[in-house]
Amino acid sequence: MKNPWDWSIASYKGNTVRFGVEWYDKDFFEERKEAYLNPKHTVMYSHFGATVNDFAVVHYLTKEDGTIVSKA
């Protein structure tokens, strides 16, 4: 496996962006799941006039077939 995550899932409609990350390593996920709060990311949000409070972030644990097991 090249990366323990894949963030290529994104869709856009109007001013709404849906962005998904697939994490393939649970320990890596636990370590990095709050990366969107990192100052490097928050600076990017400011270019759009947004803050982390403008985002809804939900983490799900799924089976390999995509079935949701629980919120992480």
N, C-alpha and C. Protein backbone atom coordinates (compact mmCIF):
# COMPACT_ATOMS: atom_id res chain seq x y z
N MET A 1 0.84 -1.17 0.00
CA MET A 1 0.00 0.00 0.00
C MET A 1 0.89 1.24 0.00
N LYS A 2 0.65 2.13 -0.94
CA LYS A 2 1.48 3.32 -1.08
C LYS A 2 1.20 4.33 0.04
N ASN A 3 -0.06 4.64 0.31
CA ASN A 3 -0.44 5.57 1.36
C ASN A 3 -1.45 4.91 2.29
N PRO A 4 -1.47 5.29 3.57
CA PRO A 4 -2.47 4.74 4.48
C PRO A 4 -3.81 5.48 4.38
N TRP A 5 -3.96 6.33 3.36
CA TRP A 5 -5.19 7.09 3.15
C TRP A 5 -5.34 7.45 1.68
N ASP A 6 -6.56 7.83 1.30
CA ASP A 6 -6.85 8.29 -0.06
C ASP A 6 -7.85 9.43 0.07
N TRP A 7 -7.52 10.61 -0.43
CA TRP A 7 -8.41 11.75 -0.31
C TRP A 7 -8.92 12.22 -1.66
N SER A 8 -8.96 11.35 -2.63
CA SER A 8 -9.36 11.74 -3.98
C SER A 8 -10.88 11.85 -4.17
N ILE A 9 -11.66 11.49 -3.15
CA ILE A 9 -13.11 11.56 -3.26
C ILE A 9 -13.58 12.97 -2.94
N ALA A 10 -14.05 13.68 -3.94
CA ALA A 10 -14.57 15.03 -3.72
C ALA A 10 -15.67 15.30 -4.74
N SER A 11 -16.68 16.06 -4.32
CA SER A 11 -17.73 16.49 -5.25
C SER A 11 -18.09 17.93 -4.93
N TYR A 12 -18.53 18.64 -5.94
CA TYR A 12 -18.84 20.05 -5.81
C TYR A 12 -20.24 20.32 -6.33
N LYS A 13 -21.00 21.14 -5.64
CA LYS A 13 -22.31 21.58 -6.12
C LYS A 13 -22.53 22.98 -5.56
N GLY A 14 -22.55 23.97 -6.44
CA GLY A 14 -22.67 25.35 -5.98
C GLY A 14 -21.48 25.70 -5.12
N ASN A 15 -21.75 26.19 -3.93
CA ASN A 15 -20.68 26.54 -2.99
C ASN A 15 -20.42 25.45 -1.97
N THR A 16 -20.93 24.25 -2.24
CA THR A 16 -20.75 23.14 -1.31
C THR A 16 -19.72 22.16 -1.86
N VAL A 17 -18.77 21.81 -1.03
CA VAL A 17 -17.76 20.81 -1.40
C VAL A 17 -17.90 19.65 -0.43
N ARG A 18 -18.05 18.46 -0.98
CA ARG A 18 -18.04 17.24 -0.16
C ARG A 18 -16.69 16.58 -0.41
N PHE A 19 -16.00 16.33 0.68
CA PHE A 19 -14.63 15.85 0.59
C PHE A 19 -14.51 14.64 1.49
N GLY A 20 -14.10 13.53 0.94
CA GLY A 20 -13.97 12.32 1.74
C GLY A 20 -12.54 11.82 1.78
N VAL A 21 -12.19 11.24 2.89
CA VAL A 21 -10.88 10.60 3.04
C VAL A 21 -11.12 9.16 3.45
N GLU A 22 -10.50 8.25 2.75
CA GLU A 22 -10.54 6.84 3.14
C GLU A 22 -9.23 6.53 3.84
N TRP A 23 -9.34 6.06 5.06
CA TRP A 23 -8.16 5.73 5.87
C TRP A 23 -8.02 4.21 5.88
N TYR A 24 -6.85 3.71 5.55
CA TYR A 24 -6.63 2.28 5.46
C TYR A 24 -5.87 1.71 6.66
N ASP A 25 -5.48 2.56 7.58
CA ASP A 25 -4.74 2.13 8.76
C ASP A 25 -5.35 2.83 9.96
N LYS A 26 -5.97 2.07 10.86
CA LYS A 26 -6.70 2.67 11.98
C LYS A 26 -5.79 3.49 12.90
N ASP A 27 -4.59 3.03 13.17
CA ASP A 27 -3.68 3.79 14.02
C ASP A 27 -3.32 5.13 13.37
N PHE A 28 -3.07 5.11 12.07
CA PHE A 28 -2.77 6.34 11.35
C PHE A 28 -3.97 7.28 11.38
N PHE A 29 -5.17 6.73 11.21
CA PHE A 29 -6.40 7.52 11.31
C PHE A 29 -6.51 8.19 12.67
N GLU A 30 -6.31 7.42 13.74
CA GLU A 30 -6.43 7.99 15.09
C GLU A 30 -5.42 9.12 15.30
N GLU A 31 -4.26 8.97 14.70
CA GLU A 31 -3.21 9.99 14.83
C GLU A 31 -3.53 11.25 14.02
N ARG A 32 -4.18 11.09 12.86
CA ARG A 32 -4.33 12.20 11.91
C ARG A 32 -5.76 12.67 11.66
N LYS A 33 -6.75 12.08 12.32
CA LYS A 33 -8.14 12.39 11.99
C LYS A 33 -8.53 13.85 12.22
N GLU A 34 -7.79 14.56 13.02
CA GLU A 34 -8.08 15.98 13.27
C GLU A 34 -7.16 16.90 12.47
N ALA A 35 -6.58 16.40 11.40
CA ALA A 35 -5.64 17.18 10.60
C ALA A 35 -6.26 18.46 10.05
N TYR A 36 -7.56 18.45 9.84
CA TYR A 36 -8.23 19.63 9.30
C TYR A 36 -8.14 20.83 10.26
N LEU A 37 -7.79 20.58 11.53
CA LEU A 37 -7.63 21.66 12.51
C LEU A 37 -6.22 22.25 12.50
N ASN A 38 -5.32 21.62 11.77
CA ASN A 38 -3.93 22.05 11.69
C ASN A 38 -3.84 23.45 11.06
N PRO A 39 -2.99 24.32 11.60
CA PRO A 39 -2.85 25.67 11.03
C PRO A 39 -2.56 25.69 9.52
N LYS A 40 -1.86 24.71 9.01
CA LYS A 40 -1.60 24.66 7.57
C LYS A 40 -2.91 24.56 6.79
N HIS A 41 -3.88 23.83 7.35
CA HIS A 41 -5.18 23.71 6.70
C HIS A 41 -6.05 24.95 6.94
N THR A 42 -6.04 25.45 8.16
CA THR A 42 -6.92 26.59 8.47
C THR A 42 -6.54 27.83 7.67
N VAL A 43 -5.27 27.98 7.33
CA VAL A 43 -4.86 29.09 6.47
C VAL A 43 -5.53 28.95 5.10
N MET A 44 -5.61 27.73 4.58
CA MET A 44 -6.27 27.52 3.29
C MET A 44 -7.74 27.91 3.37
N TYR A 45 -8.42 27.56 4.46
CA TYR A 45 -9.84 27.90 4.60
C TYR A 45 -10.04 29.41 4.57
N SER A 46 -9.10 30.14 5.16
CA SER A 46 -9.25 31.60 5.22
C SER A 46 -9.27 32.24 3.83
N HIS A 47 -8.67 31.59 2.85
CA HIS A 47 -8.70 32.10 1.48
C HIS A 47 -10.12 32.09 0.91
N PHE A 48 -11.00 31.29 1.50
CA PHE A 48 -12.40 31.20 1.08
C PHE A 48 -13.32 31.91 2.07
N GLY A 49 -12.73 32.59 3.04
CA GLY A 49 -13.53 33.28 4.05
C GLY A 49 -14.17 32.32 5.04
N ALA A 50 -13.57 31.15 5.22
CA ALA A 50 -14.14 30.12 6.09
C ALA A 50 -13.21 29.84 7.28
N THR A 51 -13.80 29.26 8.31
CA THR A 51 -13.05 28.78 9.47
C THR A 51 -13.46 27.33 9.71
N VAL A 52 -12.78 26.66 10.62
CA VAL A 52 -13.14 25.27 10.92
C VAL A 52 -14.58 25.17 11.43
N ASN A 53 -15.11 26.24 12.00
CA ASN A 53 -16.49 26.21 12.49
C ASN A 53 -17.51 26.14 11.36
N ASP A 54 -17.08 26.39 10.13
CA ASP A 54 -17.96 26.31 8.98
C ASP A 54 -18.07 24.90 8.41
N PHE A 55 -17.32 23.96 8.97
CA PHE A 55 -17.29 22.60 8.45
C PHE A 55 -18.04 21.62 9.35
N ALA A 56 -18.63 20.64 8.72
CA ALA A 56 -19.20 19.51 9.46
C ALA A 56 -18.31 18.31 9.15
N VAL A 57 -17.69 17.76 10.16
CA VAL A 57 -16.78 16.62 9.98
C VAL A 57 -17.36 15.42 10.71
N VAL A 58 -17.54 14.33 9.98
CA VAL A 58 -18.08 13.10 10.55
C VAL A 58 -17.15 11.97 10.14
N HIS A 59 -16.75 11.15 11.09
CA HIS A 59 -15.90 9.99 10.83
C HIS A 59 -16.74 8.73 10.98
N TYR A 60 -16.60 7.81 10.02
CA TYR A 60 -17.31 6.54 10.07
C TYR A 60 -16.31 5.39 9.98
N LEU A 61 -16.59 4.33 10.71
CA LEU A 61 -15.84 3.09 10.59
C LEU A 61 -16.68 2.18 9.71
N THR A 62 -16.09 1.66 8.64
CA THR A 62 -16.84 0.81 7.72
C THR A 62 -16.13 -0.53 7.53
N LYS A 63 -16.92 -1.47 7.05
CA LYS A 63 -16.35 -2.75 6.63
C LYS A 63 -15.74 -2.54 5.25
N GLU A 64 -15.02 -3.53 4.75
CA GLU A 64 -14.39 -3.41 3.44
C GLU A 64 -15.40 -3.19 2.33
N ASP A 65 -16.64 -3.68 2.51
CA ASP A 65 -17.66 -3.50 1.48
C ASP A 65 -18.35 -2.14 1.56
N GLY A 66 -17.93 -1.29 2.50
CA GLY A 66 -18.49 0.04 2.64
C GLY A 66 -19.63 0.15 3.63
N THR A 67 -20.06 -0.97 4.21
CA THR A 67 -21.12 -0.96 5.21
C THR A 67 -20.64 -0.23 6.46
N ILE A 68 -21.44 0.75 6.91
CA ILE A 68 -21.06 1.51 8.10
C ILE A 68 -21.23 0.66 9.35
N VAL A 69 -20.17 0.59 10.14
CA VAL A 69 -20.18 -0.15 11.39
C VAL A 69 -20.57 0.79 12.53
N SER A 70 -19.92 1.97 12.57
CA SER A 70 -20.21 2.94 13.62
C SER A 70 -19.56 4.27 13.26
N LYS A 71 -19.94 5.30 13.99
CA LYS A 71 -19.21 6.55 13.88
C LYS A 71 -17.94 6.39 14.70
N ALA A 72 -16.83 6.87 14.16
CA ALA A 72 -15.54 6.71 14.84
C ALA A 72 -15.30 7.85 15.79
